[in-house]
PDB file of N, CA and C in Angstrom:
ATOM      1  N   MET A   1      13.905   1.885   7.202  1.00  0.00           N
ATOM      2  CA  MET A   1      13.729   1.486   6.321  1.00  0.00           C
ATOM      3  C   MET A   1      11.972   2.381   5.832  1.00  0.00           C
ATOM      4  N   VAL A   2      11.855   2.719   4.638  1.00  0.00           N
ATOM      5  CA  VAL A   2      10.272   2.671   4.070  1.00  0.00           C
ATOM      6  C   VAL A   2      10.219   1.515   2.604  1.00  0.00           C
ATOM      7  N   LYS A   3       8.418   1.240   3.353  1.00  0.00           N
ATOM      8  CA  LYS A   3       8.314  -0.084   2.286  1.00  0.00           C
ATOM      9  C   LYS A   3       7.132   0.295   2.259  1.00  0.00           C
ATOM     10  N   ILE A   4       6.511   0.361   0.389  1.00  0.00           N
ATOM     11  CA  ILE A   4       5.435   0.007   0.260  1.00  0.00           C
ATOM     12  C   ILE A   4       4.608  -0.997   0.767  1.00  0.00           C
ATOM     13  N   ARG A   5       3.417  -0.885   1.196  1.00  0.00           N
ATOM     14  CA  ARG A   5       2.831  -2.213   1.346  1.00  0.00           C
ATOM     15  C   ARG A   5       1.577  -2.406   2.000  1.00  0.00           C
ATOM     16  N   LEU A   6       0.749  -3.085   2.371  1.00  0.00           N
ATOM     17  CA  LEU A   6      -1.051  -2.958   2.379  1.00  0.00           C
ATOM     18  C   LEU A   6      -1.420  -2.228   3.806  1.00  0.00           C
ATOM     19  N   SER A   7      -2.127  -1.810   3.900  1.00  0.00           N
ATOM     20  CA  SER A   7      -2.833  -1.359   5.239  1.00  0.00           C
ATOM     21  C   SER A   7      -4.135  -2.295   5.570  1.00  0.00           C
ATOM     22  N   ARG A   8      -4.702  -3.544   6.088  1.00  0.00           N
ATOM     23  CA  ARG A   8      -6.102  -3.547   6.515  1.00  0.00           C
ATOM     24  C   ARG A   8      -7.167  -2.607   6.882  1.00  0.00           C
ATOM     25  N   GLY A   9      -7.721  -2.613   5.891  1.00  0.00           N
ATOM     26  CA  GLY A   9      -9.025  -1.843   6.675  1.00  0.00           C
ATOM     27  C   GLY A   9     -10.128  -2.557   6.448  1.00  0.00           C
ATOM     28  N   GLY A  10     -11.603  -2.253   6.212  1.00  0.00           N
ATOM     29  CA  GLY A  10     -12.783  -3.309   6.116  1.00  0.00           C
ATOM     30  C   GLY A  10     -13.328  -2.819   7.248  1.00  0.00           C
ATOM     31  N   VAL A  11     -14.531  -4.400   7.317  1.00  0.00           N
ATOM     32  CA  VAL A  11     -14.572  -5.397   8.269  1.00  0.00           C
ATOM     33  C   VAL A  11     -15.065  -6.447   8.036  1.00  0.00           C
ATOM     34  N   ARG A  12     -15.463  -7.569   9.195  1.00  0.00           N
ATOM     35  CA  ARG A  12     -15.010  -8.905   8.946  1.00  0.00           C
ATOM     36  C   ARG A  12     -15.592  -9.521   7.196  1.00  0.00           C
ATOM     37  N   ASN A  13     -15.083 -10.317   6.684  1.00  0.00           N
ATOM     38  CA  ASN A  13     -14.756 -11.419   5.166  1.00  0.00           C
ATOM     39  C   ASN A  13     -16.001 -10.185   4.497  1.00  0.00           C
ATOM     40  N   ASN A  14     -15.224  -9.135   4.159  1.00  0.00           N
ATOM     41  CA  ASN A  14     -15.570  -7.348   2.933  1.00  0.00           C
ATOM     42  C   ASN A  14     -14.550  -6.698   3.598  1.00  0.00           C
ATOM     43  N   PRO A  15     -13.282  -7.454   3.820  1.00  0.00           N
ATOM     44  CA  PRO A  15     -12.190  -6.162   3.820  1.00  0.00           C
ATOM     45  C   PRO A  15     -11.328  -5.690   2.430  1.00  0.00           C
ATOM     46  N   PHE A  16     -10.418  -4.507   3.211  1.00  0.00           N
ATOM     47  CA  PHE A  16     -10.404  -3.131   2.236  1.00  0.00           C
ATOM     48  C   PHE A  16      -9.173  -3.119   2.259  1.00  0.00           C
ATOM     49  N   TYR A  17      -7.840  -2.759   1.587  1.00  0.00           N
ATOM     50  CA  TYR A  17      -6.534  -2.551   1.712  1.00  0.00           C
ATOM     51  C   TYR A  17      -7.064  -0.903   0.834  1.00  0.00           C
ATOM     52  N   ARG A  18      -5.714  -0.139   1.556  1.00  0.00           N
ATOM     53  CA  ARG A  18      -5.340   0.460   1.196  1.00  0.00           C
ATOM     54  C   ARG A  18      -3.326   0.428   1.045  1.00  0.00           C
ATOM     55  N   ILE A  19      -2.592   1.235   0.113  1.00  0.00           N
ATOM     56  CA  ILE A  19      -1.223   0.630  -0.237  1.00  0.00           C
ATOM     57  C   ILE A  19      -0.782   1.848   0.168  1.00  0.00           C
ATOM     58  N   VAL A  20      -0.086   1.421   1.325  1.00  0.00           N
ATOM     59  CA  VAL A  20       1.163   3.065   1.812  1.00  0.00           C
ATOM     60  C   VAL A  20       2.338   3.069   2.133  1.00  0.00           C
ATOM     61  N   ALA A  21       3.193   4.018   2.522  1.00  0.00           N
ATOM     62  CA  ALA A  21       4.407   4.450   2.329  1.00  0.00           C
ATOM     63  C   ALA A  21       4.074   4.208   3.651  1.00  0.00           C
ATOM     64  N   ILE A  22       5.410   3.460   4.303  1.00  0.00           N
ATOM     65  CA  ILE A  22       5.144   3.418   5.535  1.00  0.00           C
ATOM     66  C   ILE A  22       6.515   2.620   5.987  1.00  0.00           C
ATOM     67  N   ASP A  23       7.199   3.334   7.414  1.00  0.00           N
ATOM     68  CA  ASP A  23       7.834   2.428   8.247  1.00  0.00           C
ATOM     69  C   ASP A  23       8.459   1.242   8.513  1.00  0.00           C
ATOM     70  N   GLU A  24       9.350   0.355   8.068  1.00  0.00           N
ATOM     71  CA  GLU A  24       9.255  -0.758   8.391  1.00  0.00           C
ATOM     72  C   GLU A  24       8.542  -0.778   9.810  1.00  0.00           C
ATOM     73  N   ARG A  25       9.084  -0.653  10.388  1.00  0.00           N
ATOM     74  CA  ARG A  25       9.000  -0.429  11.749  1.00  0.00           C
ATOM     75  C   ARG A  25       7.436  -0.347  13.322  1.00  0.00           C
ATOM     76  N   LYS A  26       7.065   0.280  11.280  1.00  0.00           N
ATOM     77  CA  LYS A  26       4.918   0.813  12.107  1.00  0.00           C
ATOM     78  C   LYS A  26       4.613  -0.321  12.014  1.00  0.00           C
ATOM     79  N   SER A  27       3.917  -0.836  12.462  1.00  0.00           N
ATOM     80  CA  SER A  27       2.389  -0.891  13.047  1.00  0.00           C
ATOM     81  C   SER A  27       1.438  -1.543  11.964  1.00  0.00           C
ATOM     82  N   THR A  28       0.823  -1.505  10.671  1.00  0.00           N
ATOM     83  CA  THR A  28       0.102  -1.972   9.565  1.00  0.00           C
ATOM     84  C   THR A  28      -0.822  -0.540  10.161  1.00  0.00           C
ATOM     85  N   LYS A  29      -1.699  -1.075  11.025  1.00  0.00           N
ATOM     86  CA  LYS A  29      -2.322   0.014  11.566  1.00  0.00           C
ATOM     87  C   LYS A  29      -1.728   2.390  12.194  1.00  0.00           C
ATOM     88  N   GLY A  30      -0.150   2.191  11.970  1.00  0.00           N
ATOM     89  CA  GLY A  30       0.082   3.229  12.285  1.00  0.00           C
ATOM     90  C   GLY A  30      -0.017   4.199  11.849  1.00  0.00           C
ATOM     91  N   LYS A  31       0.956   5.445  11.679  1.00  0.00           N
ATOM     92  CA  LYS A  31       0.775   6.775  11.061  1.00  0.00           C
ATOM     93  C   LYS A  31       1.939   5.881   9.442  1.00  0.00           C
ATOM     94  N   VAL A  32       0.648   6.567   8.441  1.00  0.00           N
ATOM     95  CA  VAL A  32       1.475   6.430   7.079  1.00  0.00           C
ATOM     96  C   VAL A  32       2.048   7.837   6.804  1.00  0.00           C
ATOM     97  N   LEU A  33       2.778   7.127   6.444  1.00  0.00           N
ATOM     98  CA  LEU A  33       4.205   8.611   5.188  1.00  0.00           C
ATOM     99  C   LEU A  33       2.790   9.081   4.816  1.00  0.00           C
ATOM    100  N   ASP A  34       2.534   8.311   3.176  1.00  0.00           N
ATOM    101  CA  ASP A  34       1.363   8.848   2.238  1.00  0.00           C
ATOM    102  C   ASP A  34       0.802   7.251   1.708  1.00  0.00           C
ATOM    103  N   ILE A  35      -0.237   7.681   1.858  1.00  0.00           N
ATOM    104  CA  ILE A  35      -0.693   7.107   0.476  1.00  0.00           C
ATOM    105  C   ILE A  35      -1.349   6.784  -1.069  1.00  0.00           C
ATOM    106  N   VAL A  36      -0.640   5.494  -1.160  1.00  0.00           N
ATOM    107  CA  VAL A  36      -0.281   5.309  -2.665  1.00  0.00           C
ATOM    108  C   VAL A  36      -1.750   5.170  -3.452  1.00  0.00           C
ATOM    109  N   GLY A  37      -2.120   4.597  -3.083  1.00  0.00           N
ATOM    110  CA  GLY A  37      -3.213   3.967  -3.623  1.00  0.00           C
ATOM    111  C   GLY A  37      -4.657   2.950  -2.588  1.00  0.00           C
ATOM    112  N   TYR A  38      -5.796   2.276  -3.142  1.00  0.00           N
ATOM    113  CA  TYR A  38      -5.668   1.633  -2.926  1.00  0.00           C
ATOM    114  C   TYR A  38      -6.635   0.111  -3.458  1.00  0.00           C
ATOM    115  N   TRP A  39      -6.868  -0.913  -2.544  1.00  0.00           N
ATOM    116  CA  TRP A  39      -7.297  -1.853  -3.807  1.00  0.00           C
ATOM    117  C   TRP A  39      -8.552  -2.756  -2.596  1.00  0.00           C
ATOM    118  N   HIS A  40      -9.731  -3.129  -3.476  1.00  0.00           N
ATOM    119  CA  HIS A  40     -10.419  -3.655  -3.046  1.00  0.00           C
ATOM    120  C   HIS A  40     -11.074  -4.932  -3.896  1.00  0.00           C
ATOM    121  N   PRO A  41     -11.261  -6.345  -3.119  1.00  0.00           N
ATOM    122  CA  PRO A  41     -10.372  -7.210  -3.843  1.00  0.00           C
ATOM    123  C   PRO A  41     -12.072  -8.010  -4.135  1.00  0.00           C
ATOM    124  N   SER A  42     -12.863  -7.520  -3.020  1.00  0.00           N
ATOM    125  CA  SER A  42     -14.247  -8.189  -3.868  1.00  0.00           C
ATOM    126  C   SER A  42     -15.265  -7.645  -4.883  1.00  0.00           C
ATOM    127  N   LYS A  43     -14.603  -6.473  -4.820  1.00  0.00           N
ATOM    128  CA  LYS A  43     -14.919  -5.253  -5.341  1.00  0.00           C
ATOM    129  C   LYS A  43     -14.138  -5.205  -7.558  1.00  0.00           C
ATOM    130  N   LYS A  44     -12.933  -5.323  -6.946  1.00  0.00           N
ATOM    131  CA  LYS A  44     -12.344  -5.952  -7.743  1.00  0.00           C
ATOM    132  C   LYS A  44     -11.685  -4.882  -8.113  1.00  0.00           C
ATOM    133  N   THR A  45     -11.042  -3.981  -7.665  1.00  0.00           N
ATOM    134  CA  THR A  45     -10.902  -1.789  -7.924  1.00  0.00           C
ATOM    135  C   THR A  45      -9.454  -2.199  -7.052  1.00  0.00           C
ATOM    136  N   LEU A  46      -8.805  -1.819  -8.575  1.00  0.00           N
ATOM    137  CA  LEU A  46      -7.735  -1.090  -7.603  1.00  0.00           C
ATOM    138  C   LEU A  46      -6.768  -0.054  -8.696  1.00  0.00           C
ATOM    139  N   LYS A  47      -6.842   1.608  -7.707  1.00  0.00           N
ATOM    140  CA  LYS A  47      -6.273   2.388  -8.178  1.00  0.00           C
ATOM    141  C   LYS A  47      -5.150   2.730  -6.966  1.00  0.00           C
ATOM    142  N   VAL A  48      -4.099   3.665  -8.168  1.00  0.00           N
ATOM    143  CA  VAL A  48      -2.443   3.332  -7.972  1.00  0.00           C
ATOM    144  C   VAL A  48      -2.232   4.563  -8.252  1.00  0.00           C
ATOM    145  N   ASP A  49      -1.849   5.410  -7.861  1.00  0.00           N
ATOM    146  CA  ASP A  49      -1.116   6.726  -8.103  1.00  0.00           C
ATOM    147  C   ASP A  49       0.609   6.680  -8.298  1.00  0.00           C
ATOM    148  N   LYS A  50       0.383   6.418  -9.762  1.00  0.00           N
ATOM    149  CA  LYS A  50       2.161   6.591 -10.320  1.00  0.00           C
ATOM    150  C   LYS A  50       2.714   7.259 -10.196  1.00  0.00           C
ATOM    151  N   LYS A  51       2.177   8.702  -9.574  1.00  0.00           N
ATOM    152  CA  LYS A  51       4.067   9.740  -9.619  1.00  0.00           C
ATOM    153  C   LYS A  51       3.814   9.264  -8.108  1.00  0.00           C
ATOM    154  N   ILE A  52       2.871   8.860  -7.538  1.00  0.00           N
ATOM    155  CA  ILE A  52       3.880   9.545  -5.606  1.00  0.00           C
ATOM    156  C   ILE A  52       4.437   7.665  -5.503  1.00  0.00           C
ATOM    157  N   LEU A  53       3.953   6.431  -6.191  1.00  0.00           N
ATOM    158  CA  LEU A  53       4.478   5.270  -6.251  1.00  0.00           C
ATOM    159  C   LEU A  53       5.972   5.682  -6.685  1.00  0.00           C
ATOM    160  N   ASP A  54       5.769   6.258  -8.376  1.00  0.00           N
ATOM    161  CA  ASP A  54       7.350   6.176  -8.678  1.00  0.00           C
ATOM    162  C   ASP A  54       8.478   7.334  -7.715  1.00  0.00           C
ATOM    163  N   LYS A  55       7.856   8.155  -6.812  1.00  0.00           N
ATOM    164  CA  LYS A  55       8.650   9.232  -6.065  1.00  0.00           C
ATOM    165  C   LYS A  55       9.444   8.245  -5.046  1.00  0.00           C
ATOM    166  N   TRP A  56       8.189   7.796  -3.841  1.00  0.00           N
ATOM    167  CA  TRP A  56       8.575   6.790  -3.429  1.00  0.00           C
ATOM    168  C   TRP A  56      10.017   6.057  -3.669  1.00  0.00           C
ATOM    169  N   VAL A  57       9.536   4.930  -5.044  1.00  0.00           N
ATOM    170  CA  VAL A  57      10.840   4.056  -5.038  1.00  0.00           C
ATOM    171  C   VAL A  57      11.502   5.106  -6.084  1.00  0.00           C
ATOM    172  N   LYS A  58      11.912   6.064  -5.609  1.00  0.00           N
ATOM    173  CA  LYS A  58      12.785   7.475  -6.470  1.00  0.00           C
ATOM    174  C   LYS A  58      14.282   7.333  -5.177  1.00  0.00           C
ATOM    175  N   VAL A  59      13.383   7.494  -3.838  1.00  0.00           N
ATOM    176  CA  VAL A  59      13.602   8.345  -2.625  1.00  0.00           C
ATOM    177  C   VAL A  59      14.400   6.396  -1.983  1.00  0.00           C
ATOM    178  N   GLY A  60      14.279   5.439  -2.129  1.00  0.00           N
ATOM    179  CA  GLY A  60      15.096   4.140  -2.436  1.00  0.00           C
ATOM    180  C   GLY A  60      13.904   3.208  -0.814  1.00  0.00           C
ATOM    181  N   ALA A  61      12.598   3.145  -1.300  1.00  0.00           N
ATOM    182  CA  ALA A  61      11.424   2.596  -0.837  1.00  0.00           C
ATOM    183  C   ALA A  61      11.197   1.837  -1.365  1.00  0.00           C
ATOM    184  N   LYS A  62      10.973   0.491  -1.102  1.00  0.00           N
ATOM    185  CA  LYS A  62      11.196  -1.143  -0.651  1.00  0.00           C
ATOM    186  C   LYS A  62       9.593  -1.871  -0.860  1.00  0.00           C
ATOM    187  N   ILE A  63       9.195  -2.024  -2.218  1.00  0.00           N
ATOM    188  CA  ILE A  63       7.405  -2.331  -2.594  1.00  0.00           C
ATOM    189  C   ILE A  63       7.845  -4.114  -1.994  1.00  0.00           C
ATOM    190  N   THR A  64       6.687  -4.796  -1.042  1.00  0.00           N
ATOM    191  CA  THR A  64       6.524  -5.350  -0.457  1.00  0.00           C
ATOM    192  C   THR A  64       5.895  -7.157  -1.671  1.00  0.00           C
ATOM    193  N   PRO A  65       5.923  -7.917  -1.327  1.00  0.00           N
ATOM    194  CA  PRO A  65       5.827  -8.253  -2.368  1.00  0.00           C
ATOM    195  C   PRO A  65       4.367  -9.065  -2.361  1.00  0.00           C
ATOM    196  N   ALA A  66       3.870  -8.428  -1.260  1.00  0.00           N
ATOM    197  CA  ALA A  66       1.980  -8.665  -2.189  1.00  0.00           C
ATOM    198  C   ALA A  66       1.890  -7.650  -2.728  1.00  0.00           C
ATOM    199  N   VAL A  67       2.246  -6.082  -2.421  1.00  0.00           N
ATOM    200  CA  VAL A  67       1.536  -5.356  -3.466  1.00  0.00           C
ATOM    201  C   VAL A  67       2.325  -5.258  -4.939  1.00  0.00           C
ATOM    202  N   GLU A  68       3.391  -5.842  -4.984  1.00  0.00           N
ATOM    203  CA  GLU A  68       4.226  -6.408  -6.507  1.00  0.00           C
ATOM    204  C   GLU A  68       3.543  -7.659  -6.741  1.00  0.00           C
ATOM    205  N   LYS A  69       2.756  -8.080  -5.577  1.00  0.00           N
ATOM    206  CA  LYS A  69       2.095  -8.796  -7.073  1.00  0.00           C
ATOM    207  C   LYS A  69       0.863  -8.385  -7.732  1.00  0.00           C
ATOM    208  N   ILE A  70      -0.155  -7.810  -6.597  1.00  0.00           N
ATOM    209  CA  ILE A  70      -0.752  -7.237  -7.055  1.00  0.00           C
ATOM    210  C   ILE A  70      -0.691  -6.095  -8.450  1.00  0.00           C
ATOM    211  N   LEU A  71       0.112  -4.768  -7.819  1.00  0.00           N
ATOM    212  CA  LEU A  71       0.650  -4.020  -9.575  1.00  0.00           C
ATOM    213  C   LEU A  71       0.531  -4.702 -10.451  1.00  0.00           C
ATOM    214  N   LYS A  72       0.969  -6.645 -10.616  1.00  0.00           N
ATOM    215  CA  LYS A  72       1.352  -6.924 -11.971  1.00  0.00           C
ATOM    216  C   LYS A  72      -0.493  -7.305 -13.054  1.00  0.00           C
TER     217      LYS A  72
END
C-alpha cells in the first residue's frame, strides 16, 4: 500500500521534511514514488502540490496522521 508520509532531512536540531508518496514497506530514507511537497518547521514554510496529492489519494494512497495534522 502506498502512504503519504514525512521523510526527514536537514541537520541536527534543524529538521526539514519532505512530504512523499512511498510504499509503506520501505524505510523513510528509501526510494520514493513521488515528492508531494515539503515542510520546514523552523521557518514555518509549507508547500504542497495539490494536484499530485489528489492524484495519489485517488489511486488509494493513505495519508498518515502526521501529514494530515500538518495539512490542516
